[in-house]
Amino acid sequence: MANAEEPKEYRVIIPKEAHTIVEFKQNGLPGVASINSALFEFEPKVVFGWHLSIMIAAEELGDNKMPTSDEQKVLNKFEDEIAPIIKAHGNALFLGRVTNDGWRELIYRIYDPEPVHEHLQGLISSKKHLRPFDFRIDPDESWEKAQWHMKAVSP
């Protein structure tokens, strides 16, 4: 009789966020990213095996399709409102914030995608959000979708 493989248990200590600013160019336009460099050496990454990307359309744009100062305040307020819900009960790790070409992208690594999906879908349906947005939650145990971010802050 073969032994059924027992589920693995992990002890996870969520690191304090450490933000590293990365400037880049994409499609000829400047971009700025704030990456949580504390995740570079974080283990066990497999526990947070889902990749969440929230794309927010900026409305007031200045030079190089970057949000104006006032628009940045609106985008930051939107993030401040949804981040605690996404990260509730240790369900998510903040990976980064990327601003480029009229968009703000918020990126998280997720443990259980269901409550996050339900909340974000409900927020879209309610139309009670500061800016139009869309999101994707994809399985990504190997953190392939986070490679650009991790390389940007590698020592």
N, C-alpha and C. Protein backbone atom coordinates (compact mmCIF):
# COMPACT_ATOMS: atom_id res chain seq x y z
N MET A 1 0.85 -1.18 0.00
CA MET A 1 0.00 0.00 0.00
C MET A 1 0.89 1.24 0.00
N ALA A 2 0.72 2.11 -0.98
CA ALA A 2 1.54 3.32 -1.10
C ALA A 2 1.06 4.36 -0.10
N ASN A 3 2.01 5.06 0.48
CA ASN A 3 1.67 6.15 1.40
C ASN A 3 1.21 7.36 0.61
N ALA A 4 0.09 7.90 0.99
CA ALA A 4 -0.37 9.15 0.37
C ALA A 4 0.56 10.26 0.82
N GLU A 5 0.89 11.11 -0.11
CA GLU A 5 1.79 12.21 0.23
C GLU A 5 1.07 13.19 1.14
N GLU A 6 1.68 13.44 2.29
CA GLU A 6 1.07 14.36 3.24
C GLU A 6 1.32 15.79 2.79
N PRO A 7 0.34 16.65 3.03
CA PRO A 7 0.55 18.05 2.65
C PRO A 7 1.71 18.64 3.45
N LYS A 8 2.48 19.48 2.77
CA LYS A 8 3.61 20.13 3.44
C LYS A 8 3.10 21.27 4.30
N GLU A 9 3.79 21.46 5.40
CA GLU A 9 3.48 22.58 6.27
C GLU A 9 4.66 23.52 6.24
N TYR A 10 4.37 24.80 6.24
CA TYR A 10 5.42 25.81 6.21
C TYR A 10 5.23 26.78 7.36
N ARG A 11 6.33 27.25 7.86
CA ARG A 11 6.30 28.33 8.84
C ARG A 11 6.67 29.58 8.06
N VAL A 12 5.79 30.55 8.06
CA VAL A 12 6.00 31.76 7.27
C VAL A 12 6.09 32.96 8.20
N ILE A 13 7.16 33.70 8.03
CA ILE A 13 7.31 34.97 8.73
C ILE A 13 7.29 36.05 7.64
N ILE A 14 6.25 36.87 7.68
CA ILE A 14 6.11 37.90 6.67
C ILE A 14 7.09 39.03 6.98
N PRO A 15 7.99 39.31 6.02
CA PRO A 15 9.00 40.34 6.28
C PRO A 15 8.41 41.74 6.22
N LYS A 16 9.05 42.64 6.97
CA LYS A 16 8.66 44.04 6.91
C LYS A 16 9.00 44.56 5.52
N GLU A 17 8.07 45.28 4.91
CA GLU A 17 8.30 45.80 3.56
C GLU A 17 9.48 46.76 3.54
N ALA A 18 10.28 46.66 2.49
CA ALA A 18 11.40 47.56 2.24
C ALA A 18 11.31 47.98 0.78
N HIS A 19 11.04 49.24 0.55
CA HIS A 19 10.79 49.71 -0.81
C HIS A 19 12.05 50.23 -1.48
N THR A 20 12.30 49.73 -2.68
CA THR A 20 13.41 50.18 -3.50
C THR A 20 12.81 50.82 -4.75
N ILE A 21 13.23 52.03 -5.07
CA ILE A 21 12.72 52.74 -6.24
C ILE A 21 13.57 52.37 -7.45
N VAL A 22 12.89 52.01 -8.53
CA VAL A 22 13.55 51.62 -9.78
C VAL A 22 12.97 52.49 -10.89
N GLU A 23 13.85 53.17 -11.62
CA GLU A 23 13.43 53.96 -12.77
C GLU A 23 13.76 53.17 -14.03
N PHE A 24 12.88 53.21 -15.03
CA PHE A 24 13.08 52.43 -16.25
C PHE A 24 12.42 53.13 -17.42
N LYS A 25 12.67 52.64 -18.61
CA LYS A 25 11.99 53.11 -19.81
C LYS A 25 11.31 51.92 -20.46
N GLN A 26 10.08 52.13 -20.91
CA GLN A 26 9.32 51.10 -21.61
C GLN A 26 8.54 51.78 -22.72
N ASN A 27 8.65 51.25 -23.92
CA ASN A 27 7.99 51.85 -25.09
C ASN A 27 8.35 53.33 -25.25
N GLY A 28 9.60 53.67 -24.91
CA GLY A 28 10.08 55.03 -25.06
C GLY A 28 9.61 56.00 -23.99
N LEU A 29 8.87 55.50 -23.00
CA LEU A 29 8.35 56.36 -21.94
C LEU A 29 8.99 56.00 -20.60
N PRO A 30 9.24 57.01 -19.75
CA PRO A 30 9.81 56.71 -18.45
C PRO A 30 8.80 56.02 -17.55
N GLY A 31 9.31 55.22 -16.65
CA GLY A 31 8.48 54.55 -15.66
C GLY A 31 9.18 54.54 -14.32
N VAL A 32 8.40 54.40 -13.27
CA VAL A 32 8.93 54.32 -11.91
C VAL A 32 8.26 53.14 -11.22
N ALA A 33 9.07 52.34 -10.55
CA ALA A 33 8.55 51.22 -9.79
C ALA A 33 9.05 51.30 -8.35
N SER A 34 8.19 50.95 -7.44
CA SER A 34 8.58 50.79 -6.03
C SER A 34 8.43 49.30 -5.75
N ILE A 35 9.56 48.64 -5.54
CA ILE A 35 9.58 47.18 -5.38
C ILE A 35 9.88 46.84 -3.92
N ASN A 36 9.16 45.88 -3.39
CA ASN A 36 9.39 45.41 -2.03
C ASN A 36 10.62 44.49 -2.05
N SER A 37 11.78 45.07 -1.83
CA SER A 37 13.03 44.31 -1.90
C SER A 37 13.17 43.29 -0.76
N ALA A 38 12.32 43.37 0.26
CA ALA A 38 12.36 42.39 1.34
C ALA A 38 11.96 41.00 0.83
N LEU A 39 11.30 40.94 -0.32
CA LEU A 39 10.88 39.64 -0.87
C LEU A 39 11.97 38.95 -1.67
N PHE A 40 13.08 39.64 -1.91
CA PHE A 40 14.15 39.05 -2.71
C PHE A 40 14.63 37.73 -2.09
N GLU A 41 14.82 37.72 -0.78
CA GLU A 41 15.30 36.51 -0.11
C GLU A 41 14.19 35.80 0.66
N PHE A 42 12.95 36.23 0.50
CA PHE A 42 11.84 35.62 1.23
C PHE A 42 11.67 34.16 0.83
N GLU A 43 11.46 33.32 1.80
CA GLU A 43 11.10 31.91 1.61
C GLU A 43 10.09 31.56 2.69
N PRO A 44 9.20 30.66 2.45
CA PRO A 44 9.00 29.84 1.27
C PRO A 44 8.07 30.52 0.26
N LYS A 45 8.63 30.90 -0.87
CA LYS A 45 7.87 31.60 -1.91
C LYS A 45 6.66 30.80 -2.38
N VAL A 46 6.77 29.48 -2.38
CA VAL A 46 5.69 28.62 -2.88
C VAL A 46 4.37 28.85 -2.14
N VAL A 47 4.44 29.30 -0.90
CA VAL A 47 3.22 29.54 -0.12
C VAL A 47 2.37 30.64 -0.76
N PHE A 48 3.03 31.63 -1.32
CA PHE A 48 2.33 32.73 -1.98
C PHE A 48 2.42 32.50 -3.49
N GLY A 49 1.77 31.43 -3.94
CA GLY A 49 1.91 30.92 -5.30
C GLY A 49 0.96 31.51 -6.32
N TRP A 50 0.32 32.62 -5.99
CA TRP A 50 -0.57 33.29 -6.94
C TRP A 50 -0.07 34.71 -7.15
N HIS A 51 -0.15 35.17 -8.39
CA HIS A 51 0.33 36.50 -8.77
C HIS A 51 -0.89 37.38 -9.06
N LEU A 52 -1.03 38.47 -8.31
CA LEU A 52 -2.12 39.41 -8.51
C LEU A 52 -1.59 40.69 -9.14
N SER A 53 -2.18 41.09 -10.25
CA SER A 53 -1.85 42.34 -10.91
C SER A 53 -3.13 43.15 -11.02
N ILE A 54 -3.10 44.37 -10.45
CA ILE A 54 -4.23 45.28 -10.53
C ILE A 54 -3.80 46.46 -11.40
N MET A 55 -4.49 46.65 -12.52
CA MET A 55 -4.17 47.72 -13.46
C MET A 55 -5.20 48.85 -13.29
N ILE A 56 -4.68 50.05 -12.98
CA ILE A 56 -5.53 51.21 -12.73
C ILE A 56 -5.23 52.26 -13.79
N ALA A 57 -6.26 52.73 -14.46
CA ALA A 57 -6.10 53.76 -15.47
C ALA A 57 -6.01 55.13 -14.80
N ALA A 58 -4.88 55.82 -15.03
CA ALA A 58 -4.73 57.17 -14.52
C ALA A 58 -5.49 58.12 -15.45
N GLU A 59 -6.13 59.13 -14.88
CA GLU A 59 -6.93 60.04 -15.69
C GLU A 59 -6.23 61.36 -15.99
N GLU A 60 -5.59 61.95 -14.99
CA GLU A 60 -4.91 63.23 -15.19
C GLU A 60 -3.43 62.96 -15.42
N LEU A 61 -3.00 63.16 -16.67
CA LEU A 61 -1.62 62.85 -17.04
C LEU A 61 -0.84 64.11 -17.36
N GLY A 62 0.44 64.09 -16.99
CA GLY A 62 1.34 65.19 -17.31
C GLY A 62 2.33 64.74 -18.37
N ASP A 63 3.54 65.24 -18.24
CA ASP A 63 4.60 64.91 -19.19
C ASP A 63 4.83 63.40 -19.24
N ASN A 64 5.12 62.91 -20.44
CA ASN A 64 5.47 61.50 -20.65
C ASN A 64 4.40 60.52 -20.17
N LYS A 65 3.14 60.97 -20.17
CA LYS A 65 2.01 60.13 -19.76
C LYS A 65 2.14 59.61 -18.32
N MET A 66 2.79 60.42 -17.48
CA MET A 66 2.89 60.10 -16.06
C MET A 66 1.78 60.85 -15.32
N PRO A 67 1.23 60.25 -14.25
CA PRO A 67 0.17 60.93 -13.49
C PRO A 67 0.65 62.25 -12.90
N THR A 68 -0.24 63.24 -12.91
CA THR A 68 0.08 64.51 -12.26
C THR A 68 0.18 64.29 -10.75
N SER A 69 0.62 65.29 -10.05
CA SER A 69 0.74 65.20 -8.59
C SER A 69 -0.63 64.92 -7.95
N ASP A 70 -1.66 65.61 -8.42
CA ASP A 70 -3.01 65.37 -7.89
C ASP A 70 -3.48 63.96 -8.21
N GLU A 71 -3.18 63.48 -9.43
CA GLU A 71 -3.59 62.13 -9.81
C GLU A 71 -2.86 61.08 -8.97
N GLN A 72 -1.60 61.33 -8.66
CA GLN A 72 -0.86 60.40 -7.81
C GLN A 72 -1.53 60.27 -6.44
N LYS A 73 -2.05 61.38 -5.93
CA LYS A 73 -2.76 61.34 -4.64
C LYS A 73 -4.00 60.45 -4.74
N VAL A 74 -4.73 60.55 -5.85
CA VAL A 74 -5.93 59.72 -6.04
C VAL A 74 -5.53 58.24 -6.13
N LEU A 75 -4.49 57.96 -6.93
CA LEU A 75 -4.03 56.57 -7.09
C LEU A 75 -3.54 56.01 -5.76
N ASN A 76 -2.81 56.82 -5.00
CA ASN A 76 -2.32 56.36 -3.69
C ASN A 76 -3.47 56.11 -2.72
N LYS A 77 -4.50 56.96 -2.78
CA LYS A 77 -5.66 56.77 -1.91
C LYS A 77 -6.37 55.46 -2.26
N PHE A 78 -6.51 55.19 -3.56
CA PHE A 78 -7.12 53.94 -4.00
C PHE A 78 -6.34 52.75 -3.45
N GLU A 79 -5.02 52.81 -3.58
CA GLU A 79 -4.18 51.73 -3.05
C GLU A 79 -4.34 51.60 -1.54
N ASP A 80 -4.34 52.72 -0.84
CA ASP A 80 -4.48 52.70 0.62
C ASP A 80 -5.81 52.06 1.05
N GLU A 81 -6.85 52.20 0.22
CA GLU A 81 -8.16 51.63 0.56
C GLU A 81 -8.21 50.12 0.32
N ILE A 82 -7.56 49.63 -0.75
CA ILE A 82 -7.68 48.20 -1.05
C ILE A 82 -6.57 47.34 -0.43
N ALA A 83 -5.41 47.93 -0.16
CA ALA A 83 -4.28 47.14 0.35
C ALA A 83 -4.60 46.39 1.65
N PRO A 84 -5.21 47.03 2.64
CA PRO A 84 -5.48 46.29 3.89
C PRO A 84 -6.41 45.09 3.68
N ILE A 85 -7.34 45.20 2.74
CA ILE A 85 -8.27 44.11 2.48
C ILE A 85 -7.54 42.96 1.78
N ILE A 86 -6.70 43.31 0.82
CA ILE A 86 -5.93 42.29 0.10
C ILE A 86 -4.97 41.57 1.04
N LYS A 87 -4.33 42.33 1.92
CA LYS A 87 -3.31 41.74 2.81
C LYS A 87 -3.89 41.18 4.12
N ALA A 88 -5.21 41.27 4.29
CA ALA A 88 -5.84 40.82 5.54
C ALA A 88 -5.46 39.38 5.88
N HIS A 89 -5.23 39.15 7.14
CA HIS A 89 -4.95 37.82 7.68
C HIS A 89 -3.69 37.20 7.06
N GLY A 90 -2.75 38.05 6.62
CA GLY A 90 -1.51 37.53 6.05
C GLY A 90 -1.69 36.82 4.72
N ASN A 91 -2.77 37.15 4.00
CA ASN A 91 -3.09 36.47 2.75
C ASN A 91 -2.28 36.97 1.55
N ALA A 92 -1.56 38.08 1.70
CA ALA A 92 -0.85 38.63 0.55
C ALA A 92 0.42 39.34 0.97
N LEU A 93 1.36 39.36 0.05
CA LEU A 93 2.60 40.12 0.20
C LEU A 93 2.61 41.18 -0.89
N PHE A 94 2.89 42.42 -0.52
CA PHE A 94 3.01 43.48 -1.51
C PHE A 94 4.33 43.28 -2.25
N LEU A 95 4.26 43.18 -3.57
CA LEU A 95 5.47 43.03 -4.38
C LEU A 95 5.91 44.35 -4.98
N GLY A 96 4.99 45.10 -5.55
CA GLY A 96 5.43 46.35 -6.15
C GLY A 96 4.31 47.22 -6.69
N ARG A 97 4.72 48.43 -7.02
CA ARG A 97 3.84 49.43 -7.63
C ARG A 97 4.61 49.97 -8.82
N VAL A 98 4.01 49.89 -10.01
CA VAL A 98 4.67 50.31 -11.24
C VAL A 98 3.81 51.37 -11.91
N THR A 99 4.43 52.50 -12.25
CA THR A 99 3.72 53.58 -12.93
C THR A 99 4.40 53.86 -14.25
N ASN A 100 3.61 53.77 -15.36
CA ASN A 100 4.18 53.95 -16.70
C ASN A 100 3.05 54.09 -17.70
N ASP A 101 3.22 54.99 -18.65
CA ASP A 101 2.33 55.08 -19.82
C ASP A 101 0.85 55.23 -19.45
N GLY A 102 0.57 56.06 -18.44
CA GLY A 102 -0.81 56.32 -18.07
C GLY A 102 -1.45 55.27 -17.17
N TRP A 103 -0.67 54.35 -16.67
CA TRP A 103 -1.19 53.26 -15.84
C TRP A 103 -0.43 53.16 -14.53
N ARG A 104 -1.13 52.68 -13.52
CA ARG A 104 -0.51 52.28 -12.25
C ARG A 104 -0.85 50.81 -12.08
N GLU A 105 0.17 50.00 -11.85
CA GLU A 105 -0.04 48.57 -11.60
C GLU A 105 0.36 48.27 -10.17
N LEU A 106 -0.50 47.61 -9.45
CA LEU A 106 -0.21 47.13 -8.09
C LEU A 106 -0.05 45.63 -8.17
N ILE A 107 1.02 45.12 -7.59
CA ILE A 107 1.34 43.70 -7.71
C ILE A 107 1.49 43.10 -6.32
N TYR A 108 0.81 41.98 -6.14
CA TYR A 108 0.86 41.25 -4.87
C TYR A 108 1.10 39.78 -5.14
N ARG A 109 1.68 39.11 -4.16
CA ARG A 109 1.78 37.66 -4.15
C ARG A 109 0.71 37.18 -3.17
N ILE A 110 -0.10 36.22 -3.60
CA ILE A 110 -1.30 35.82 -2.86
C ILE A 110 -1.20 34.37 -2.40
N TYR A 111 -1.69 34.13 -1.18
CA TYR A 111 -1.79 32.77 -0.65
C TYR A 111 -3.09 32.12 -1.13
N ASP A 112 -4.24 32.73 -0.79
CA ASP A 112 -5.56 32.20 -1.17
C ASP A 112 -6.24 33.22 -2.08
N PRO A 113 -6.40 32.91 -3.36
CA PRO A 113 -6.94 33.90 -4.29
C PRO A 113 -8.44 34.18 -4.15
N GLU A 114 -9.20 33.26 -3.58
CA GLU A 114 -10.66 33.42 -3.56
C GLU A 114 -11.15 34.70 -2.88
N PRO A 115 -10.73 34.99 -1.63
CA PRO A 115 -11.28 36.21 -1.01
C PRO A 115 -10.85 37.48 -1.74
N VAL A 116 -9.65 37.49 -2.30
CA VAL A 116 -9.17 38.65 -3.04
C VAL A 116 -10.00 38.83 -4.32
N HIS A 117 -10.21 37.74 -5.04
CA HIS A 117 -11.01 37.80 -6.27
C HIS A 117 -12.41 38.31 -5.97
N GLU A 118 -13.03 37.75 -4.93
CA GLU A 118 -14.39 38.16 -4.57
C GLU A 118 -14.46 39.64 -4.24
N HIS A 119 -13.49 40.12 -3.45
CA HIS A 119 -13.51 41.53 -3.05
C HIS A 119 -13.33 42.44 -4.26
N LEU A 120 -12.32 42.16 -5.08
CA LEU A 120 -12.05 43.03 -6.22
C LEU A 120 -13.20 42.97 -7.23
N GLN A 121 -13.76 41.80 -7.47
CA GLN A 121 -14.89 41.69 -8.39
C GLN A 121 -16.09 42.46 -7.85
N GLY A 122 -16.31 42.39 -6.55
CA GLY A 122 -17.39 43.15 -5.92
C GLY A 122 -17.18 44.65 -6.04
N LEU A 123 -15.93 45.07 -5.89
CA LEU A 123 -15.62 46.50 -6.01
C LEU A 123 -15.87 46.99 -7.44
N ILE A 124 -15.49 46.20 -8.43
CA ILE A 124 -15.76 46.57 -9.83
C ILE A 124 -17.27 46.64 -10.07
N SER A 125 -18.00 45.63 -9.59
CA SER A 125 -19.46 45.59 -9.80
C SER A 125 -20.17 46.75 -9.13
N SER A 126 -19.67 47.17 -7.96
CA SER A 126 -20.31 48.25 -7.20
C SER A 126 -20.10 49.61 -7.84
N LYS A 127 -19.09 49.72 -8.68
CA LYS A 127 -18.71 50.98 -9.31
C LYS A 127 -18.36 52.04 -8.28
N LYS A 128 -17.99 51.61 -7.07
CA LYS A 128 -17.59 52.54 -6.01
C LYS A 128 -16.07 52.52 -5.86
N HIS A 129 -15.38 52.88 -6.93
CA HIS A 129 -13.93 52.93 -6.89
C HIS A 129 -13.48 54.25 -7.49
N LEU A 130 -12.32 54.71 -7.08
CA LEU A 130 -11.84 56.02 -7.47
C LEU A 130 -11.41 56.11 -8.93
N ARG A 131 -10.97 55.00 -9.49
CA ARG A 131 -10.52 54.97 -10.88
C ARG A 131 -10.90 53.62 -11.49
N PRO A 132 -11.13 53.60 -12.81
CA PRO A 132 -11.38 52.32 -13.47
C PRO A 132 -10.17 51.40 -13.28
N PHE A 133 -10.44 50.13 -13.05
CA PHE A 133 -9.35 49.17 -12.89
C PHE A 133 -9.79 47.79 -13.31
N ASP A 134 -8.81 46.95 -13.54
CA ASP A 134 -9.04 45.55 -13.83
C ASP A 134 -7.95 44.77 -13.10
N PHE A 135 -8.12 43.48 -12.99
CA PHE A 135 -7.13 42.68 -12.28
C PHE A 135 -7.06 41.28 -12.86
N ARG A 136 -5.94 40.63 -12.57
CA ARG A 136 -5.74 39.22 -12.91
C ARG A 136 -5.09 38.55 -11.72
N ILE A 137 -5.53 37.33 -11.45
CA ILE A 137 -4.87 36.50 -10.44
C ILE A 137 -4.50 35.20 -11.17
N ASP A 138 -3.20 34.96 -11.27
CA ASP A 138 -2.72 33.79 -12.00
C ASP A 138 -1.89 32.89 -11.09
N PRO A 139 -2.02 31.56 -11.25
CA PRO A 139 -1.14 30.66 -10.50
C PRO A 139 0.30 30.87 -10.96
N ASP A 140 1.22 30.92 -9.99
CA ASP A 140 2.62 31.19 -10.32
C ASP A 140 3.51 30.76 -9.16
N GLU A 141 3.53 29.45 -8.87
CA GLU A 141 4.31 28.95 -7.73
C GLU A 141 5.80 29.23 -7.86
N SER A 142 6.31 29.29 -9.08
CA SER A 142 7.74 29.51 -9.28
C SER A 142 8.12 30.99 -9.32
N TRP A 143 7.16 31.87 -9.17
CA TRP A 143 7.36 33.32 -9.16
C TRP A 143 7.94 33.83 -10.48
N GLU A 144 7.61 33.15 -11.58
CA GLU A 144 8.08 33.60 -12.90
C GLU A 144 7.60 35.01 -13.21
N LYS A 145 6.35 35.31 -12.86
CA LYS A 145 5.79 36.62 -13.17
C LYS A 145 6.41 37.73 -12.32
N ALA A 146 7.17 37.36 -11.31
CA ALA A 146 7.84 38.34 -10.45
C ALA A 146 9.32 38.51 -10.79
N GLN A 147 9.78 37.84 -11.83
CA GLN A 147 11.21 37.87 -12.14
C GLN A 147 11.75 39.27 -12.43
N TRP A 148 11.04 40.07 -13.21
CA TRP A 148 11.52 41.42 -13.52
C TRP A 148 11.70 42.20 -12.23
N HIS A 149 10.74 42.09 -11.34
CA HIS A 149 10.78 42.85 -10.08
C HIS A 149 11.93 42.39 -9.19
N MET A 150 12.12 41.07 -9.09
CA MET A 150 13.18 40.54 -8.26
C MET A 150 14.56 40.88 -8.84
N LYS A 151 14.71 40.83 -10.15
CA LYS A 151 15.99 41.19 -10.77
C LYS A 151 16.28 42.67 -10.59
N ALA A 152 15.25 43.49 -10.60
CA ALA A 152 15.43 44.95 -10.46
C ALA A 152 16.00 45.32 -9.10
N VAL A 153 15.79 44.50 -8.08
CA VAL A 153 16.28 44.80 -6.73
C VAL A 153 17.34 43.82 -6.25
N SER A 154 17.83 42.97 -7.16
CA SER A 154 18.84 42.00 -6.73
C SER A 154 20.13 42.72 -6.35
N PRO A 155 20.77 42.25 -5.27
CA PRO A 155 22.01 42.91 -4.82
C PRO A 155 23.15 42.74 -5.81
